[in-house]
Amino acid sequence: MLAALLAASCAPPASGPVDPARYDQFFLWAGVPPPPAVAHAKVLYILGGEVRRGGPPRFVSLRAATPRGLRSALWLTVRSERLDWDERTWEAALRMLAQWHNAGNRVEGLQIDFDAATSGLGRYAAFLREVRRRLPPRAKLSVTGLLDWSANGDPGALAALSGVVDEAVIQTYQGRSTIPGYAAYFRHIDMLPLRHKIALVEGGAWTPPPALARDKRFAGYVVFLLRPPVRPVRAASLR
């Protein structure tokens, strides 16, 4: 009974604003100071670099130092705005992955954060097959996904992804807010043929859709942490 009570006390709330203290998996973006809850995290997705649109492809590192001394399992997240990576881009991303692993971290693998439109999943799958080919054997592959994937994604294209990626993390937010009407996208989430997690934004509204209760591939929540708002500085009184 004690174990059951402890499990219930650590379970995410049924509904309401997303409080990081109630979760144990997080997205940690560059420039966002980690809250105390991160010290007890089981899994961290850390943004390590970006591949930006415009000009030739180039991996831009966003980390001044390699993570060290963390108990959490780590994913190196690369935010990409394009899929035409060249050899130097591949080499830079994989070099960072190796550095994180060699520093003694428990690195799960590489996550690609790319806003792949539902209609373009076939082209995205081809890119991900190349990612998988280049990854070292020990490394897993994760992707972020849009809400629309589960609602309107082509079953064949999604099935193709399931043979390439180890998990998809479905985003339920834009910017700092939960997407209105998100529940409608989850009506058939249990049909998504991928192991998947649900990404929530810190402070956003959330009520678990009923379909999650029967979703055998649902693997938990990941909270996207936000930079605290800047408080205005009051001018000192002259009196």
Protein backbone atom coordinates (compact mmCIF):
# COMPACT_ATOMS: atom_id res chain seq x y z
CA MET A 1 0.00 0.00 0.00
CA LEU A 2 2.89 2.36 0.76
CA ALA A 3 4.32 1.79 -2.71
CA ALA A 4 0.92 2.53 -4.25
CA LEU A 5 0.62 5.76 -2.29
CA LEU A 6 4.08 6.87 -3.34
CA ALA A 7 3.32 6.12 -6.99
CA ALA A 8 0.09 8.09 -6.79
CA SER A 9 1.86 11.07 -5.22
CA CYS A 10 4.36 11.19 -8.11
CA ALA A 11 1.81 10.75 -10.89
CA PRO A 12 1.11 13.74 -13.17
CA PRO A 13 -2.14 15.55 -12.33
CA ALA A 14 -5.23 14.60 -14.31
CA SER A 15 -5.65 18.15 -15.59
CA GLY A 16 -4.54 21.73 -15.05
CA PRO A 17 -1.36 23.76 -15.72
CA VAL A 18 1.74 21.68 -16.40
CA ASP A 19 4.00 21.78 -13.33
CA PRO A 20 7.54 20.46 -14.04
CA ALA A 21 7.78 19.18 -10.46
CA ARG A 22 5.23 16.49 -11.34
CA TYR A 23 7.18 15.07 -14.29
CA ASP A 24 10.53 13.38 -14.87
CA GLN A 25 11.33 13.89 -18.58
CA PHE A 26 12.26 17.29 -19.99
CA PHE A 27 13.28 19.24 -23.06
CA LEU A 28 16.12 21.59 -22.08
CA TRP A 29 16.80 24.27 -24.67
CA ALA A 30 19.84 26.55 -24.78
CA GLY A 31 19.56 29.57 -22.49
CA VAL A 32 16.85 28.07 -20.28
CA PRO A 33 18.00 27.62 -16.66
CA PRO A 34 16.90 24.19 -15.42
CA PRO A 35 14.41 24.19 -12.53
CA PRO A 36 15.06 22.08 -9.39
CA ALA A 37 12.93 19.25 -10.83
CA VAL A 38 15.61 18.54 -13.43
CA ALA A 39 17.94 17.28 -10.69
CA HIS A 40 15.69 14.22 -10.37
CA ALA A 41 14.91 13.78 -14.06
CA LYS A 42 14.97 10.33 -15.58
CA VAL A 43 15.39 11.59 -19.16
CA LEU A 44 16.70 14.88 -20.59
CA TYR A 45 16.46 15.97 -24.22
CA ILE A 46 19.14 18.65 -24.51
CA LEU A 47 19.37 20.94 -27.52
CA GLY A 48 22.96 20.67 -28.66
CA GLY A 49 22.88 22.40 -32.03
CA GLU A 50 20.93 23.62 -35.03
CA VAL A 51 21.06 23.29 -38.80
CA ARG A 52 19.51 26.50 -40.08
CA ARG A 53 17.94 27.40 -43.39
CA GLY A 54 19.68 29.86 -45.68
CA GLY A 55 23.12 29.51 -47.19
CA PRO A 56 25.02 26.23 -47.23
CA PRO A 57 24.07 23.69 -44.53
CA ARG A 58 26.05 24.11 -41.33
CA PHE A 59 25.83 22.64 -37.84
CA VAL A 60 25.70 25.45 -35.26
CA SER A 61 26.69 24.32 -31.77
CA LEU A 62 24.56 25.80 -28.97
CA ARG A 63 26.42 24.28 -26.03
CA ALA A 64 29.53 25.88 -24.58
CA ALA A 65 30.46 22.68 -22.77
CA THR A 66 29.73 18.95 -22.80
CA PRO A 67 27.19 17.83 -20.16
CA ARG A 68 28.85 16.03 -17.27
CA GLY A 69 27.83 14.45 -14.00
CA LEU A 70 24.17 13.98 -14.88
CA ARG A 71 22.26 10.97 -13.61
CA SER A 72 19.61 11.25 -16.30
CA ALA A 73 19.56 9.41 -19.58
CA LEU A 74 20.43 11.98 -22.27
CA TRP A 75 19.28 12.59 -25.81
CA LEU A 76 21.25 14.98 -28.01
CA THR A 77 18.61 17.04 -29.82
CA VAL A 78 19.47 18.72 -33.10
CA ARG A 79 16.98 21.31 -34.31
CA SER A 80 16.98 21.26 -38.11
CA GLU A 81 15.26 23.61 -40.55
CA ARG A 82 16.42 21.64 -43.61
CA LEU A 83 17.14 18.11 -44.74
CA ASP A 84 20.00 18.67 -47.21
CA TRP A 85 22.83 18.02 -44.74
CA ASP A 86 26.32 17.85 -46.20
CA GLU A 87 29.24 15.77 -44.92
CA ARG A 88 30.55 18.46 -42.59
CA THR A 89 27.11 18.80 -41.01
CA TRP A 90 26.84 15.06 -40.44
CA GLU A 91 30.34 14.91 -39.01
CA ALA A 92 29.74 17.80 -36.57
CA ALA A 93 26.47 16.35 -35.22
CA LEU A 94 27.91 12.86 -34.78
CA ARG A 95 31.09 14.26 -33.23
CA MET A 96 29.02 15.99 -30.54
CA LEU A 97 27.10 12.77 -29.92
CA ALA A 98 30.40 10.91 -29.43
CA GLN A 99 31.75 13.63 -27.11
CA TRP A 100 28.69 13.40 -24.88
CA HIS A 101 29.03 9.63 -24.73
CA ASN A 102 32.78 9.71 -24.07
CA ALA A 103 32.25 12.15 -21.18
CA GLY A 104 30.61 9.33 -19.22
CA ASN A 105 27.00 10.26 -19.86
CA ARG A 106 24.24 7.71 -20.35
CA VAL A 107 23.46 8.83 -23.90
CA GLU A 108 20.38 7.26 -25.46
CA GLY A 109 20.99 8.65 -28.92
CA LEU A 110 20.15 11.44 -31.34
CA GLN A 111 16.86 13.28 -31.63
CA ILE A 112 15.96 15.24 -34.77
CA ASP A 113 13.65 18.20 -34.14
CA PHE A 114 12.22 19.00 -37.57
CA ASP A 115 8.72 20.27 -38.35
CA ALA A 116 7.89 17.61 -40.92
CA ALA A 117 4.51 18.37 -42.48
CA THR A 118 2.14 15.42 -42.49
CA SER A 119 2.05 15.48 -46.30
CA GLY A 120 5.87 15.28 -46.43
CA LEU A 121 6.44 12.24 -44.23
CA GLY A 122 7.70 10.16 -47.13
CA ARG A 123 10.58 12.55 -47.84
CA TYR A 124 11.29 12.85 -44.14
CA ALA A 125 11.48 9.07 -43.79
CA ALA A 126 14.17 8.98 -46.48
CA PHE A 127 16.24 11.52 -44.52
CA LEU A 128 15.77 9.55 -41.30
CA ARG A 129 16.93 6.35 -42.96
CA GLU A 130 20.18 8.17 -43.72
CA VAL A 131 20.41 9.32 -40.09
CA ARG A 132 19.95 5.73 -38.95
CA ARG A 133 22.61 4.51 -41.39
CA ARG A 134 25.16 6.97 -40.00
CA LEU A 135 24.42 6.49 -36.30
CA PRO A 136 26.71 4.20 -34.31
CA PRO A 137 25.11 0.84 -33.49
CA ARG A 138 24.53 1.70 -29.84
CA ALA A 139 22.63 4.93 -30.59
CA LYS A 140 18.85 5.22 -30.82
CA LEU A 141 16.93 7.65 -33.02
CA SER A 142 14.14 9.91 -31.79
CA VAL A 143 12.09 12.52 -33.66
CA THR A 144 9.67 15.23 -32.67
CA GLY A 145 6.30 15.08 -34.37
CA LEU A 146 3.29 17.28 -35.01
CA LEU A 147 -0.16 16.71 -33.55
CA ASP A 148 -1.50 16.24 -37.06
CA TRP A 149 0.54 13.06 -37.56
CA SER A 150 -1.81 10.97 -35.44
CA ALA A 151 -4.96 12.54 -36.88
CA ASN A 152 -4.22 12.78 -40.60
CA GLY A 153 -0.95 10.98 -41.25
CA ASP A 154 -0.83 8.47 -44.08
CA PRO A 155 -0.74 5.00 -42.47
CA GLY A 156 1.85 3.79 -44.96
CA ALA A 157 4.17 6.74 -44.34
CA LEU A 158 3.85 6.37 -40.57
CA ALA A 159 4.50 2.64 -40.80
CA ALA A 160 7.68 3.43 -42.75
CA LEU A 161 8.85 5.64 -39.90
CA SER A 162 8.21 2.88 -37.36
CA GLY A 163 10.90 0.78 -38.96
CA VAL A 164 13.47 3.59 -38.73
CA VAL A 165 12.94 5.58 -35.51
CA ASP A 166 12.82 4.30 -31.96
CA GLU A 167 10.33 6.90 -30.75
CA ALA A 168 8.40 10.01 -31.70
CA VAL A 169 7.68 12.85 -29.26
CA ILE A 170 4.42 14.52 -30.29
CA GLN A 171 4.33 18.26 -29.56
CA THR A 172 1.10 19.75 -28.19
CA TYR A 173 2.19 23.38 -28.08
CA GLN A 174 3.27 26.36 -30.16
CA GLY A 175 5.53 28.88 -28.51
CA ARG A 176 4.59 29.13 -24.84
CA SER A 177 1.00 27.87 -25.15
CA THR A 178 -0.87 24.62 -25.60
CA ILE A 179 -2.52 24.30 -29.02
CA PRO A 180 -6.28 24.94 -28.67
CA GLY A 181 -8.46 21.93 -29.42
CA TYR A 182 -5.58 19.48 -28.98
CA ALA A 183 -7.91 16.74 -27.75
CA ALA A 184 -9.42 16.32 -31.23
CA TYR A 185 -6.03 15.23 -32.59
CA PHE A 186 -5.80 12.41 -30.04
CA ARG A 187 -8.96 10.55 -30.97
CA HIS A 188 -6.93 7.91 -32.79
CA ILE A 189 -3.55 8.32 -31.07
CA ASP A 190 -3.62 4.62 -30.16
CA MET A 191 -3.41 3.84 -33.89
CA LEU A 192 -0.04 5.61 -34.29
CA PRO A 193 2.35 2.75 -35.18
CA LEU A 194 5.30 4.22 -33.26
CA ARG A 195 6.41 4.22 -29.67
CA HIS A 196 5.54 7.78 -28.71
CA LYS A 197 5.66 10.32 -25.93
CA ILE A 198 3.59 13.47 -25.52
CA ALA A 199 5.40 16.81 -25.20
CA LEU A 200 3.73 19.40 -22.95
CA VAL A 201 4.76 23.01 -22.45
CA GLU A 202 5.57 24.22 -18.95
CA GLY A 203 2.55 26.02 -17.52
CA GLY A 204 0.30 24.99 -20.42
CA ALA A 205 -3.18 23.58 -19.99
CA TRP A 206 -3.48 19.82 -20.15
CA THR A 207 -6.20 17.23 -19.66
CA PRO A 208 -5.29 13.70 -20.81
CA PRO A 209 -7.48 12.65 -23.75
CA PRO A 210 -9.42 9.41 -23.13
CA ALA A 211 -7.62 7.62 -25.98
CA LEU A 212 -4.35 7.66 -24.03
CA ALA A 213 -5.82 5.19 -21.54
CA ARG A 214 -5.92 2.50 -24.24
CA ASP A 215 -2.74 3.57 -26.03
CA LYS A 216 -0.25 0.70 -25.66
CA ARG A 217 2.58 2.62 -27.37
CA PHE A 218 2.28 5.70 -25.13
CA ALA A 219 5.59 6.04 -23.23
CA GLY A 220 5.00 9.09 -21.03
CA TYR A 221 5.28 12.86 -21.05
CA VAL A 222 8.16 15.24 -21.84
CA VAL A 223 7.88 18.80 -20.51
CA PHE A 224 9.30 21.65 -22.60
CA LEU A 225 10.87 24.02 -20.09
CA LEU A 226 10.56 27.77 -20.60
CA ARG A 227 12.82 30.66 -19.78
CA PRO A 228 11.32 32.52 -16.79
CA PRO A 229 9.72 35.84 -17.77
CA VAL A 230 11.88 38.89 -17.19
CA ARG A 231 10.52 41.01 -14.37
CA PRO A 232 10.63 44.77 -14.92
CA VAL A 233 13.21 46.53 -12.79
CA ARG A 234 11.72 49.32 -10.69
CA ALA A 235 13.60 52.56 -10.65
CA ALA A 236 15.12 53.40 -7.29
CA SER A 237 13.30 56.02 -5.34
CA LEU A 238 15.03 59.40 -5.13
CA ARG A 239 13.34 60.27 -1.88
